[in-house]
Amino acid sequence: MKNDFPQTDLVILAGGQARRMQGKNKLLMNFDGQIQLEKICQHFRQDVAKIWVNSHRDDEEYQKIDKNIACFTDECTGFLGPLIGMISAWQYTTADYVLFIPCDITQIPIDILQKLHLRLEQSSNSAVVYVQFNQDALYPFCLMKREALPVLKKQMQQQQGSLKQSFKLLNGKALCIEQADNYVHSLNSMDELKQYQQLSSFNLS
């Protein structure tokens, strides 16, 4: 790794059902000229110690794209959202810092991991820093310390799956990234994908 921040693993959160994407695996889709998994790995490969995919399918397809990718499923069944994916991740990684990123991210800001580490270092009483695009918090895109795990587990035991609420308990801080007013940070449906691609085509013309 070329950076001097603490050893960090990357966990790509892809454990959902993708119902609004007609069941398609978003991590293997092409949003903007490149398969999502390729795009994410290319952006972070030189900065992280290991890349993990939290998913319940297509492990062989992921490893065709990058043979060094490791995969794991949620420790509980039932598609309980990103919180269970984060809890499960800490059972596998040996790093004390994990960068979580949603599989449906669009553009990834330059030097985002370095900026997140700096923000977390400046917030010594926080266990997590998340990305906020303009005024919109994208909680699954975050840098987290291992010490967050007991709080996450307690929240899940109490059937409180909200990342927003969990991050409040962890004294989470936002890293604010300013983008254009029409910026879309993630895609959750085929309609959103179509609109995003139309907008991208318009901006390039």
N, C-alpha and C. Protein backbone atom coordinates (compact mmCIF):
# COMPACT_ATOMS: atom_id res chain seq x y z
N MET A 1 0.84 -1.20 0.00
CA MET A 1 0.00 0.00 0.00
C MET A 1 0.88 1.26 0.00
N LYS A 2 0.46 2.27 -0.72
CA LYS A 2 1.27 3.46 -0.89
C LYS A 2 0.97 4.53 0.15
N ASN A 3 -0.12 4.40 0.88
CA ASN A 3 -0.51 5.43 1.83
C ASN A 3 -0.06 5.07 3.24
N ASP A 4 -0.02 6.08 4.11
CA ASP A 4 0.51 5.86 5.45
C ASP A 4 -0.58 5.74 6.51
N PHE A 5 -1.85 5.59 6.09
CA PHE A 5 -2.90 5.40 7.08
C PHE A 5 -2.91 3.94 7.54
N PRO A 6 -3.59 3.63 8.65
CA PRO A 6 -3.57 2.27 9.18
C PRO A 6 -4.10 1.23 8.19
N GLN A 7 -3.63 0.01 8.38
CA GLN A 7 -4.08 -1.08 7.50
C GLN A 7 -5.61 -1.14 7.49
N THR A 8 -6.16 -1.19 6.31
CA THR A 8 -7.61 -1.11 6.13
C THR A 8 -8.05 -2.14 5.11
N ASP A 9 -9.12 -2.85 5.40
CA ASP A 9 -9.75 -3.74 4.43
C ASP A 9 -10.95 -3.05 3.80
N LEU A 10 -11.28 -3.47 2.60
CA LEU A 10 -12.46 -2.97 1.89
C LEU A 10 -13.53 -4.05 1.89
N VAL A 11 -14.74 -3.69 2.28
CA VAL A 11 -15.88 -4.60 2.21
C VAL A 11 -16.95 -3.99 1.32
N ILE A 12 -17.26 -4.67 0.22
CA ILE A 12 -18.30 -4.22 -0.69
C ILE A 12 -19.61 -4.87 -0.26
N LEU A 13 -20.59 -4.05 0.06
CA LEU A 13 -21.87 -4.55 0.55
C LEU A 13 -22.78 -4.87 -0.63
N ALA A 14 -23.00 -6.15 -0.86
CA ALA A 14 -23.82 -6.60 -1.99
C ALA A 14 -24.73 -7.75 -1.57
N GLY A 15 -25.23 -7.66 -0.34
CA GLY A 15 -25.98 -8.77 0.22
C GLY A 15 -27.49 -8.65 0.11
N GLY A 16 -27.98 -7.65 -0.61
CA GLY A 16 -29.42 -7.46 -0.71
C GLY A 16 -30.06 -8.31 -1.79
N GLN A 17 -31.38 -8.20 -1.90
CA GLN A 17 -32.13 -8.97 -2.87
C GLN A 17 -32.25 -8.28 -4.22
N ALA A 18 -31.99 -6.97 -4.25
CA ALA A 18 -32.08 -6.19 -5.50
C ALA A 18 -33.45 -6.33 -6.15
N ARG A 19 -34.50 -6.29 -5.35
CA ARG A 19 -35.84 -6.47 -5.91
C ARG A 19 -36.19 -5.38 -6.91
N ARG A 20 -35.80 -4.13 -6.61
CA ARG A 20 -36.13 -3.04 -7.53
C ARG A 20 -35.22 -3.03 -8.76
N MET A 21 -34.19 -3.89 -8.74
CA MET A 21 -33.34 -4.09 -9.92
C MET A 21 -33.72 -5.38 -10.64
N GLN A 22 -34.95 -5.83 -10.41
CA GLN A 22 -35.47 -7.05 -11.04
C GLN A 22 -34.60 -8.27 -10.71
N GLY A 23 -34.02 -8.23 -9.50
CA GLY A 23 -33.22 -9.36 -9.03
C GLY A 23 -31.82 -9.43 -9.59
N LYS A 24 -31.44 -8.48 -10.42
CA LYS A 24 -30.11 -8.50 -11.01
C LYS A 24 -29.06 -8.14 -9.96
N ASN A 25 -27.89 -8.74 -10.11
CA ASN A 25 -26.78 -8.48 -9.19
C ASN A 25 -26.13 -7.15 -9.59
N LYS A 26 -26.35 -6.13 -8.79
CA LYS A 26 -25.85 -4.80 -9.13
C LYS A 26 -24.33 -4.77 -9.24
N LEU A 27 -23.65 -5.61 -8.49
CA LEU A 27 -22.20 -5.60 -8.50
C LEU A 27 -21.64 -6.08 -9.83
N LEU A 28 -22.43 -6.81 -10.59
CA LEU A 28 -22.00 -7.31 -11.90
C LEU A 28 -22.62 -6.53 -13.05
N MET A 29 -23.31 -5.45 -12.73
CA MET A 29 -23.93 -4.62 -13.76
C MET A 29 -22.97 -3.52 -14.22
N ASN A 30 -23.27 -2.98 -15.38
CA ASN A 30 -22.49 -1.89 -15.97
C ASN A 30 -23.33 -0.62 -15.87
N PHE A 31 -22.95 0.27 -14.97
CA PHE A 31 -23.68 1.53 -14.81
C PHE A 31 -23.17 2.61 -15.76
N ASP A 32 -21.85 2.66 -15.92
CA ASP A 32 -21.24 3.81 -16.60
C ASP A 32 -19.98 3.43 -17.37
N GLY A 33 -20.05 2.30 -18.07
CA GLY A 33 -18.94 1.91 -18.92
C GLY A 33 -18.02 0.87 -18.32
N GLN A 34 -18.28 0.46 -17.09
CA GLN A 34 -17.43 -0.51 -16.42
C GLN A 34 -18.25 -1.31 -15.42
N ILE A 35 -17.98 -2.60 -15.32
CA ILE A 35 -18.67 -3.42 -14.33
C ILE A 35 -18.39 -2.86 -12.94
N GLN A 36 -19.42 -2.81 -12.12
CA GLN A 36 -19.31 -2.19 -10.80
C GLN A 36 -18.16 -2.76 -9.98
N LEU A 37 -18.03 -4.08 -9.94
CA LEU A 37 -16.97 -4.69 -9.15
C LEU A 37 -15.60 -4.26 -9.66
N GLU A 38 -15.43 -4.23 -10.97
CA GLU A 38 -14.16 -3.79 -11.55
C GLU A 38 -13.86 -2.35 -11.15
N LYS A 39 -14.87 -1.51 -11.24
CA LYS A 39 -14.69 -0.09 -10.93
C LYS A 39 -14.25 0.11 -9.48
N ILE A 40 -14.92 -0.56 -8.56
CA ILE A 40 -14.60 -0.40 -7.14
C ILE A 40 -13.22 -0.95 -6.82
N CYS A 41 -12.93 -2.14 -7.34
CA CYS A 41 -11.62 -2.75 -7.08
C CYS A 41 -10.50 -1.89 -7.65
N GLN A 42 -10.69 -1.40 -8.86
CA GLN A 42 -9.67 -0.58 -9.50
C GLN A 42 -9.38 0.67 -8.68
N HIS A 43 -10.41 1.24 -8.10
CA HIS A 43 -10.25 2.48 -7.34
C HIS A 43 -9.47 2.26 -6.04
N PHE A 44 -9.69 1.11 -5.39
CA PHE A 44 -9.16 0.92 -4.04
C PHE A 44 -8.05 -0.13 -3.92
N ARG A 45 -7.77 -0.87 -4.98
CA ARG A 45 -6.87 -2.01 -4.87
C ARG A 45 -5.51 -1.64 -4.29
N GLN A 46 -4.99 -0.49 -4.64
CA GLN A 46 -3.65 -0.10 -4.17
C GLN A 46 -3.65 0.45 -2.75
N ASP A 47 -4.82 0.70 -2.20
CA ASP A 47 -4.91 1.36 -0.90
C ASP A 47 -5.34 0.47 0.25
N VAL A 48 -5.89 -0.69 -0.06
CA VAL A 48 -6.41 -1.55 1.00
C VAL A 48 -5.62 -2.85 1.06
N ALA A 49 -5.66 -3.48 2.23
CA ALA A 49 -4.94 -4.73 2.43
C ALA A 49 -5.65 -5.91 1.75
N LYS A 50 -6.99 -5.91 1.82
CA LYS A 50 -7.76 -7.02 1.27
C LYS A 50 -9.14 -6.52 0.86
N ILE A 51 -9.67 -7.13 -0.20
CA ILE A 51 -11.00 -6.78 -0.68
C ILE A 51 -11.95 -7.94 -0.41
N TRP A 52 -13.06 -7.64 0.24
CA TRP A 52 -14.09 -8.61 0.55
C TRP A 52 -15.39 -8.21 -0.15
N VAL A 53 -16.19 -9.22 -0.50
CA VAL A 53 -17.54 -8.98 -0.99
C VAL A 53 -18.52 -9.67 -0.07
N ASN A 54 -19.43 -8.89 0.48
CA ASN A 54 -20.52 -9.44 1.30
C ASN A 54 -21.70 -9.71 0.36
N SER A 55 -21.93 -10.98 0.08
CA SER A 55 -22.93 -11.35 -0.92
C SER A 55 -23.42 -12.76 -0.66
N HIS A 56 -24.54 -13.10 -1.25
CA HIS A 56 -25.10 -14.45 -1.09
C HIS A 56 -25.10 -15.22 -2.40
N ARG A 57 -24.37 -14.69 -3.41
CA ARG A 57 -24.37 -15.36 -4.71
C ARG A 57 -23.18 -14.91 -5.56
N ASP A 58 -22.92 -15.66 -6.62
CA ASP A 58 -21.97 -15.28 -7.69
C ASP A 58 -20.52 -15.15 -7.24
N ASP A 59 -20.12 -15.90 -6.23
CA ASP A 59 -18.73 -15.81 -5.77
C ASP A 59 -17.74 -16.11 -6.89
N GLU A 60 -18.05 -17.12 -7.70
CA GLU A 60 -17.14 -17.49 -8.79
C GLU A 60 -17.01 -16.37 -9.82
N GLU A 61 -18.11 -15.65 -10.06
CA GLU A 61 -18.06 -14.54 -11.01
C GLU A 61 -17.19 -13.40 -10.47
N TYR A 62 -17.29 -13.15 -9.18
CA TYR A 62 -16.45 -12.11 -8.58
C TYR A 62 -14.97 -12.45 -8.74
N GLN A 63 -14.63 -13.70 -8.50
CA GLN A 63 -13.23 -14.09 -8.52
C GLN A 63 -12.68 -14.21 -9.93
N LYS A 64 -13.56 -14.28 -10.92
CA LYS A 64 -13.10 -14.19 -12.31
C LYS A 64 -12.61 -12.77 -12.60
N ILE A 65 -13.24 -11.81 -11.96
CA ILE A 65 -12.85 -10.40 -12.14
C ILE A 65 -11.59 -10.09 -11.36
N ASP A 66 -11.49 -10.61 -10.15
CA ASP A 66 -10.29 -10.42 -9.33
C ASP A 66 -10.13 -11.67 -8.47
N LYS A 67 -9.12 -12.47 -8.76
CA LYS A 67 -8.94 -13.76 -8.09
C LYS A 67 -8.62 -13.62 -6.61
N ASN A 68 -8.21 -12.42 -6.19
CA ASN A 68 -7.84 -12.21 -4.79
C ASN A 68 -9.01 -11.78 -3.92
N ILE A 69 -10.17 -11.59 -4.52
CA ILE A 69 -11.35 -11.21 -3.74
C ILE A 69 -11.77 -12.36 -2.83
N ALA A 70 -12.13 -12.02 -1.59
CA ALA A 70 -12.68 -13.00 -0.66
C ALA A 70 -14.16 -12.67 -0.45
N CYS A 71 -14.97 -13.70 -0.25
CA CYS A 71 -16.42 -13.51 -0.14
C CYS A 71 -16.94 -14.08 1.18
N PHE A 72 -17.99 -13.48 1.67
CA PHE A 72 -18.67 -14.01 2.85
C PHE A 72 -20.14 -13.64 2.79
N THR A 73 -20.96 -14.44 3.45
CA THR A 73 -22.39 -14.18 3.53
C THR A 73 -22.74 -13.61 4.91
N ASP A 74 -23.95 -13.07 5.03
CA ASP A 74 -24.41 -12.58 6.33
C ASP A 74 -24.48 -13.73 7.32
N GLU A 75 -24.18 -13.44 8.58
CA GLU A 75 -24.21 -14.48 9.59
C GLU A 75 -25.63 -14.88 9.98
N CYS A 76 -26.62 -14.06 9.58
CA CYS A 76 -28.03 -14.38 9.80
C CYS A 76 -28.75 -14.35 8.46
N THR A 77 -29.69 -15.24 8.26
CA THR A 77 -30.46 -15.24 7.02
C THR A 77 -31.61 -14.23 7.12
N GLY A 78 -32.17 -13.89 5.96
CA GLY A 78 -33.35 -13.03 5.97
C GLY A 78 -33.16 -11.66 5.37
N PHE A 79 -31.98 -11.36 4.79
CA PHE A 79 -31.75 -10.08 4.15
C PHE A 79 -32.09 -8.92 5.09
N LEU A 80 -31.29 -8.79 6.14
CA LEU A 80 -31.55 -7.84 7.21
C LEU A 80 -30.90 -6.48 7.00
N GLY A 81 -30.36 -6.24 5.81
CA GLY A 81 -29.83 -4.93 5.50
C GLY A 81 -28.34 -4.80 5.73
N PRO A 82 -27.79 -3.60 5.47
CA PRO A 82 -26.34 -3.40 5.56
C PRO A 82 -25.77 -3.58 6.96
N LEU A 83 -26.57 -3.37 8.00
CA LEU A 83 -26.05 -3.52 9.36
C LEU A 83 -25.55 -4.94 9.60
N ILE A 84 -26.29 -5.94 9.18
CA ILE A 84 -25.86 -7.32 9.39
C ILE A 84 -24.63 -7.64 8.54
N GLY A 85 -24.54 -7.00 7.36
CA GLY A 85 -23.34 -7.18 6.55
C GLY A 85 -22.11 -6.64 7.25
N MET A 86 -22.25 -5.51 7.92
CA MET A 86 -21.13 -4.93 8.65
C MET A 86 -20.74 -5.80 9.85
N ILE A 87 -21.74 -6.27 10.57
CA ILE A 87 -21.47 -7.15 11.71
C ILE A 87 -20.73 -8.40 11.25
N SER A 88 -21.22 -8.98 10.17
CA SER A 88 -20.61 -10.21 9.65
C SER A 88 -19.17 -9.98 9.21
N ALA A 89 -18.90 -8.82 8.63
CA ALA A 89 -17.55 -8.53 8.12
C ALA A 89 -16.48 -8.65 9.20
N TRP A 90 -16.82 -8.20 10.40
CA TRP A 90 -15.82 -8.21 11.47
C TRP A 90 -15.49 -9.62 11.94
N GLN A 91 -16.28 -10.61 11.55
CA GLN A 91 -15.97 -12.00 11.89
C GLN A 91 -14.89 -12.57 10.96
N TYR A 92 -14.63 -11.87 9.85
CA TYR A 92 -13.69 -12.38 8.84
C TYR A 92 -12.41 -11.55 8.76
N THR A 93 -12.53 -10.25 8.72
CA THR A 93 -11.35 -9.41 8.57
C THR A 93 -10.52 -9.39 9.84
N THR A 94 -9.22 -9.28 9.68
CA THR A 94 -8.31 -9.13 10.82
C THR A 94 -7.86 -7.69 10.99
N ALA A 95 -8.27 -6.83 10.06
CA ALA A 95 -7.91 -5.41 10.13
C ALA A 95 -8.72 -4.73 11.23
N ASP A 96 -8.19 -3.64 11.75
CA ASP A 96 -8.91 -2.86 12.77
C ASP A 96 -9.71 -1.72 12.15
N TYR A 97 -9.56 -1.54 10.84
CA TYR A 97 -10.33 -0.54 10.11
C TYR A 97 -10.91 -1.18 8.86
N VAL A 98 -12.17 -0.90 8.61
CA VAL A 98 -12.81 -1.40 7.39
C VAL A 98 -13.50 -0.25 6.68
N LEU A 99 -13.25 -0.16 5.39
CA LEU A 99 -14.00 0.76 4.52
C LEU A 99 -15.15 -0.03 3.93
N PHE A 100 -16.37 0.37 4.26
CA PHE A 100 -17.56 -0.24 3.66
C PHE A 100 -18.03 0.64 2.51
N ILE A 101 -18.48 -0.02 1.45
CA ILE A 101 -18.98 0.73 0.30
C ILE A 101 -20.15 -0.03 -0.31
N PRO A 102 -21.23 0.66 -0.67
CA PRO A 102 -22.36 -0.04 -1.30
C PRO A 102 -22.04 -0.42 -2.74
N CYS A 103 -22.60 -1.54 -3.18
CA CYS A 103 -22.28 -2.04 -4.51
C CYS A 103 -22.85 -1.17 -5.61
N ASP A 104 -23.81 -0.30 -5.29
CA ASP A 104 -24.47 0.50 -6.32
C ASP A 104 -23.96 1.93 -6.37
N ILE A 105 -22.75 2.16 -5.88
CA ILE A 105 -22.15 3.48 -5.92
C ILE A 105 -21.95 3.91 -7.37
N THR A 106 -22.06 5.20 -7.63
CA THR A 106 -21.80 5.68 -8.99
C THR A 106 -20.35 6.17 -9.04
N GLN A 107 -20.11 7.46 -8.96
CA GLN A 107 -18.75 7.98 -8.99
C GLN A 107 -18.12 7.90 -7.61
N ILE A 108 -16.85 7.49 -7.57
CA ILE A 108 -16.14 7.39 -6.30
C ILE A 108 -15.18 8.57 -6.19
N PRO A 109 -15.31 9.40 -5.17
CA PRO A 109 -14.44 10.58 -5.05
C PRO A 109 -12.97 10.20 -4.96
N ILE A 110 -12.13 11.04 -5.52
CA ILE A 110 -10.68 10.83 -5.48
C ILE A 110 -10.18 10.93 -4.04
N ASP A 111 -9.26 10.03 -3.68
CA ASP A 111 -8.60 10.04 -2.36
C ASP A 111 -9.61 9.92 -1.22
N ILE A 112 -10.74 9.28 -1.46
CA ILE A 112 -11.78 9.24 -0.44
C ILE A 112 -11.34 8.47 0.81
N LEU A 113 -10.58 7.41 0.64
CA LEU A 113 -10.16 6.64 1.82
C LEU A 113 -9.21 7.46 2.69
N GLN A 114 -8.29 8.16 2.06
CA GLN A 114 -7.38 9.01 2.81
C GLN A 114 -8.15 10.10 3.56
N LYS A 115 -9.13 10.69 2.90
CA LYS A 115 -9.93 11.75 3.53
C LYS A 115 -10.75 11.20 4.70
N LEU A 116 -11.27 9.99 4.56
CA LEU A 116 -12.04 9.39 5.65
C LEU A 116 -11.14 9.10 6.85
N HIS A 117 -9.94 8.60 6.57
CA HIS A 117 -9.01 8.33 7.68
C HIS A 117 -8.66 9.63 8.41
N LEU A 118 -8.42 10.68 7.66
CA LEU A 118 -8.09 11.96 8.28
C LEU A 118 -9.25 12.47 9.13
N ARG A 119 -10.46 12.34 8.62
CA ARG A 119 -11.65 12.78 9.37
C ARG A 119 -11.82 11.95 10.64
N LEU A 120 -11.56 10.66 10.56
CA LEU A 120 -11.69 9.80 11.73
C LEU A 120 -10.60 10.11 12.75
N GLU A 121 -9.41 10.39 12.26
CA GLU A 121 -8.31 10.75 13.16
C GLU A 121 -8.62 12.05 13.90
N GLN A 122 -9.29 12.96 13.24
CA GLN A 122 -9.65 14.24 13.86
C GLN A 122 -10.80 14.10 14.85
N SER A 123 -11.49 12.95 14.80
CA SER A 123 -12.65 12.72 15.67
C SER A 123 -12.35 11.53 16.56
N SER A 124 -11.49 11.73 17.53
CA SER A 124 -10.95 10.63 18.32
C SER A 124 -12.01 9.88 19.12
N ASN A 125 -13.15 10.51 19.39
CA ASN A 125 -14.21 9.84 20.16
C ASN A 125 -15.26 9.20 19.25
N SER A 126 -14.97 9.12 17.97
CA SER A 126 -15.90 8.50 17.02
C SER A 126 -15.36 7.16 16.55
N ALA A 127 -16.27 6.22 16.29
CA ALA A 127 -15.88 4.91 15.79
C ALA A 127 -16.21 4.73 14.32
N VAL A 128 -16.84 5.75 13.72
CA VAL A 128 -17.20 5.64 12.30
C VAL A 128 -17.30 7.03 11.70
N VAL A 129 -16.91 7.12 10.44
CA VAL A 129 -17.09 8.32 9.63
C VAL A 129 -17.76 7.89 8.35
N TYR A 130 -18.83 8.60 7.96
CA TYR A 130 -19.57 8.23 6.75
C TYR A 130 -19.53 9.37 5.75
N VAL A 131 -19.79 9.03 4.50
CA VAL A 131 -19.75 10.02 3.42
C VAL A 131 -21.11 10.68 3.28
N GLN A 132 -21.09 11.98 3.15
CA GLN A 132 -22.30 12.75 2.90
C GLN A 132 -22.11 13.55 1.61
N PHE A 133 -22.92 13.25 0.61
CA PHE A 133 -22.86 13.97 -0.64
C PHE A 133 -23.85 15.12 -0.58
N ASN A 134 -23.32 16.34 -0.65
CA ASN A 134 -24.14 17.53 -0.45
C ASN A 134 -24.86 17.39 0.90
N GLN A 135 -26.16 17.29 0.93
CA GLN A 135 -26.89 17.14 2.19
C GLN A 135 -27.41 15.73 2.40
N ASP A 136 -26.96 14.78 1.57
CA ASP A 136 -27.52 13.43 1.58
C ASP A 136 -26.49 12.44 2.14
N ALA A 137 -26.74 11.94 3.34
CA ALA A 137 -25.83 10.98 3.97
C ALA A 137 -25.96 9.61 3.33
N LEU A 138 -24.84 9.04 2.92
CA LEU A 138 -24.81 7.67 2.39
C LEU A 138 -24.13 6.80 3.45
N TYR A 139 -24.91 6.38 4.42
CA TYR A 139 -24.36 5.69 5.59
C TYR A 139 -23.58 4.40 5.26
N PRO A 140 -24.00 3.61 4.26
CA PRO A 140 -23.22 2.40 3.96
C PRO A 140 -21.84 2.67 3.38
N PHE A 141 -21.55 3.93 3.04
CA PHE A 141 -20.22 4.30 2.54
C PHE A 141 -19.49 4.94 3.71
N CYS A 142 -18.71 4.14 4.42
CA CYS A 142 -18.14 4.62 5.68
C CYS A 142 -16.84 3.91 6.02
N LEU A 143 -16.07 4.55 6.87
CA LEU A 143 -14.87 3.96 7.46
C LEU A 143 -15.15 3.70 8.92
N MET A 144 -14.93 2.47 9.36
CA MET A 144 -15.32 2.06 10.71
C MET A 144 -14.17 1.39 11.45
N LYS A 145 -14.12 1.65 12.76
CA LYS A 145 -13.17 0.98 13.63
C LYS A 145 -13.78 -0.31 14.17
N ARG A 146 -12.92 -1.27 14.50
CA ARG A 146 -13.40 -2.54 15.04
C ARG A 146 -14.17 -2.34 16.35
N GLU A 147 -13.83 -1.32 17.10
CA GLU A 147 -14.48 -1.10 18.39
C GLU A 147 -15.98 -0.80 18.25
N ALA A 148 -16.44 -0.58 17.02
CA ALA A 148 -17.87 -0.33 16.79
C ALA A 148 -18.70 -1.60 16.91
N LEU A 149 -18.07 -2.76 16.80
CA LEU A 149 -18.82 -4.02 16.70
C LEU A 149 -19.79 -4.27 17.84
N PRO A 150 -19.44 -4.10 19.11
CA PRO A 150 -20.41 -4.38 20.19
C PRO A 150 -21.69 -3.55 20.07
N VAL A 151 -21.56 -2.31 19.66
CA VAL A 151 -22.74 -1.45 19.50
C VAL A 151 -23.61 -1.97 18.36
N LEU A 152 -22.98 -2.34 17.26
CA LEU A 152 -23.74 -2.87 16.12
C LEU A 152 -24.49 -4.15 16.50
N LYS A 153 -23.81 -5.02 17.23
CA LYS A 153 -24.45 -6.27 17.65
C LYS A 153 -25.65 -6.01 18.56
N LYS A 154 -25.49 -5.09 19.48
CA LYS A 154 -26.58 -4.77 20.39
C LYS A 154 -27.78 -4.21 19.63
N GLN A 155 -27.51 -3.36 18.66
CA GLN A 155 -28.58 -2.80 17.84
C GLN A 155 -29.32 -3.90 17.08
N MET A 156 -28.59 -4.84 16.53
CA MET A 156 -29.23 -5.92 15.80
C MET A 156 -30.03 -6.81 16.73
N GLN A 157 -29.49 -7.08 17.91
CA GLN A 157 -30.22 -7.89 18.89
C GLN A 157 -31.54 -7.23 19.29
N GLN A 158 -31.57 -5.91 19.28
CA GLN A 158 -32.77 -5.17 19.61
C GLN A 158 -33.64 -4.89 18.38
N GLN A 159 -33.25 -5.51 17.27
CA GLN A 159 -33.97 -5.38 16.00
C GLN A 159 -34.03 -3.92 15.55
N GLN A 160 -32.94 -3.23 15.79
CA GLN A 160 -32.79 -1.84 15.35
C GLN A 160 -31.78 -1.83 14.20
N GLY A 161 -32.27 -1.95 12.99
CA GLY A 161 -31.38 -2.10 11.84
C GLY A 161 -30.94 -0.81 11.19
N SER A 162 -31.32 0.33 11.74
CA SER A 162 -31.00 1.62 11.13
C SER A 162 -29.52 1.97 11.31
N LEU A 163 -28.83 2.18 10.19
CA LEU A 163 -27.45 2.63 10.29
C LEU A 163 -27.38 4.03 10.90
N LYS A 164 -28.33 4.87 10.56
CA LYS A 164 -28.34 6.23 11.09
C LYS A 164 -28.36 6.20 12.62
N GLN A 165 -29.21 5.38 13.19
CA GLN A 165 -29.30 5.30 14.65
C GLN A 165 -28.04 4.69 15.24
N SER A 166 -27.54 3.64 14.62
CA SER A 166 -26.31 3.01 15.11
C SER A 166 -25.15 3.98 15.10
N PHE A 167 -25.05 4.76 14.03
CA PHE A 167 -23.93 5.69 13.91
C PHE A 167 -24.04 6.83 14.92
N LYS A 168 -25.24 7.19 15.30
CA LYS A 168 -25.40 8.18 16.36
C LYS A 168 -24.80 7.65 17.66
N LEU A 169 -25.04 6.37 17.96
CA LEU A 169 -24.51 5.76 19.17
C LEU A 169 -22.99 5.66 19.12
N LEU A 170 -22.45 5.60 17.91
CA LEU A 170 -21.00 5.51 17.73
C LEU A 170 -20.36 6.89 17.59
N ASN A 171 -21.17 7.93 17.81
CA ASN A 171 -20.70 9.30 17.64
C ASN A 171 -20.14 9.51 16.23
N GLY A 172 -20.83 8.97 15.26
CA GLY A 172 -20.39 9.04 13.88
C GLY A 172 -20.31 10.47 13.36
N LYS A 173 -19.35 10.71 12.49
CA LYS A 173 -19.15 12.03 11.89
C LYS A 173 -19.28 11.91 10.37
N ALA A 174 -19.71 12.98 9.75
CA ALA A 174 -19.87 13.01 8.29
C ALA A 174 -18.63 13.62 7.64
N LEU A 175 -18.25 13.05 6.51
CA LEU A 175 -17.28 13.66 5.62
C LEU A 175 -18.09 14.23 4.46
N CYS A 176 -18.16 15.53 4.36
CA CYS A 176 -19.03 16.19 3.38
C CYS A 176 -18.30 16.35 2.05
N ILE A 177 -18.91 15.83 1.01
CA ILE A 177 -18.39 15.94 -0.34
C ILE A 177 -19.38 16.74 -1.17
N GLU A 178 -18.92 17.84 -1.72
CA GLU A 178 -19.80 18.69 -2.52
C GLU A 178 -19.78 18.21 -3.97
N GLN A 179 -20.98 18.03 -4.52
CA GLN A 179 -21.13 17.60 -5.90
C GLN A 179 -22.13 18.51 -6.60
N ALA A 180 -22.29 18.31 -7.90
CA ALA A 180 -23.29 19.06 -8.65
C ALA A 180 -24.68 18.76 -8.09
N ASP A 181 -25.58 19.70 -8.25
CA ASP A 181 -26.93 19.56 -7.69
C ASP A 181 -27.65 18.31 -8.20
N ASN A 182 -27.35 17.89 -9.43
CA ASN A 182 -28.03 16.73 -10.01
C ASN A 182 -27.26 15.42 -9.78
N TYR A 183 -26.28 15.46 -8.88
CA TYR A 183 -25.46 14.27 -8.63
C TYR A 183 -26.28 13.15 -8.00
N VAL A 184 -26.12 11.94 -8.50
CA VAL A 184 -26.77 10.75 -7.95
C VAL A 184 -25.68 9.82 -7.44
N HIS A 185 -25.68 9.53 -6.14
CA HIS A 185 -24.56 8.77 -5.57
C HIS A 185 -24.73 7.26 -5.64
N SER A 186 -25.97 6.77 -5.76
CA SER A 186 -26.19 5.33 -5.81
C SER A 186 -27.49 5.05 -6.54
N LEU A 187 -27.61 3.81 -7.03
CA LEU A 187 -28.76 3.45 -7.87
C LEU A 187 -29.46 2.24 -7.28
N ASN A 188 -30.77 2.36 -7.09
CA ASN A 188 -31.52 1.31 -6.42
C ASN A 188 -32.61 0.68 -7.27
N SER A 189 -32.80 1.15 -8.49
CA SER A 189 -33.86 0.59 -9.33
C SER A 189 -33.48 0.73 -10.79
N MET A 190 -34.18 -0.01 -11.65
CA MET A 190 -33.93 0.09 -13.08
C MET A 190 -34.28 1.48 -13.60
N ASP A 191 -35.31 2.08 -13.04
CA ASP A 191 -35.69 3.43 -13.45
C ASP A 191 -34.58 4.43 -13.11
N GLU A 192 -34.00 4.30 -11.90
CA GLU A 192 -32.91 5.19 -11.52
C GLU A 192 -31.70 4.99 -12.42
N LEU A 193 -31.41 3.73 -12.78
CA LEU A 193 -30.29 3.44 -13.67
C LEU A 193 -30.51 4.09 -15.03
N LYS A 194 -31.71 3.96 -15.56
CA LYS A 194 -32.02 4.54 -16.87
C LYS A 194 -31.86 6.06 -16.84
N GLN A 195 -32.37 6.68 -15.79
CA GLN A 195 -32.26 8.14 -15.66
C GLN A 195 -30.80 8.57 -15.53
N TYR A 196 -30.02 7.80 -14.76
CA TYR A 196 -28.61 8.10 -14.57
C TYR A 196 -27.84 8.01 -15.88
N GLN A 197 -28.10 6.96 -16.65
CA GLN A 197 -27.39 6.78 -17.91
C GLN A 197 -27.79 7.84 -18.92
N GLN A 198 -29.06 8.24 -18.91
CA GLN A 198 -29.49 9.32 -19.80
C GLN A 198 -28.82 10.64 -19.42
N LEU A 199 -28.72 10.90 -18.13
CA LEU A 199 -28.08 12.12 -17.65
C LEU A 199 -26.58 12.10 -18.00
N SER A 200 -25.93 10.94 -17.82
CA SER A 200 -24.50 10.82 -18.13
C SER A 200 -24.26 11.04 -19.61
N SER A 201 -25.14 10.48 -20.44
CA SER A 201 -25.02 10.66 -21.90
C SER A 201 -25.19 12.12 -22.29
N PHE A 202 -26.13 12.80 -21.62
CA PHE A 202 -26.37 14.22 -21.90
C PHE A 202 -25.16 15.05 -21.51
N ASN A 203 -24.54 14.74 -20.37
CA ASN A 203 -23.40 15.51 -19.89
C ASN A 203 -22.16 15.33 -20.78
N LEU A 204 -22.09 14.16 -21.46
CA LEU A 204 -20.95 13.88 -22.31
C LEU A 204 -21.13 14.43 -23.72
N SER A 205 -22.35 14.76 -24.07
CA SER A 205 -22.63 15.22 -25.44
C SER A 205 -22.32 16.71 -25.62
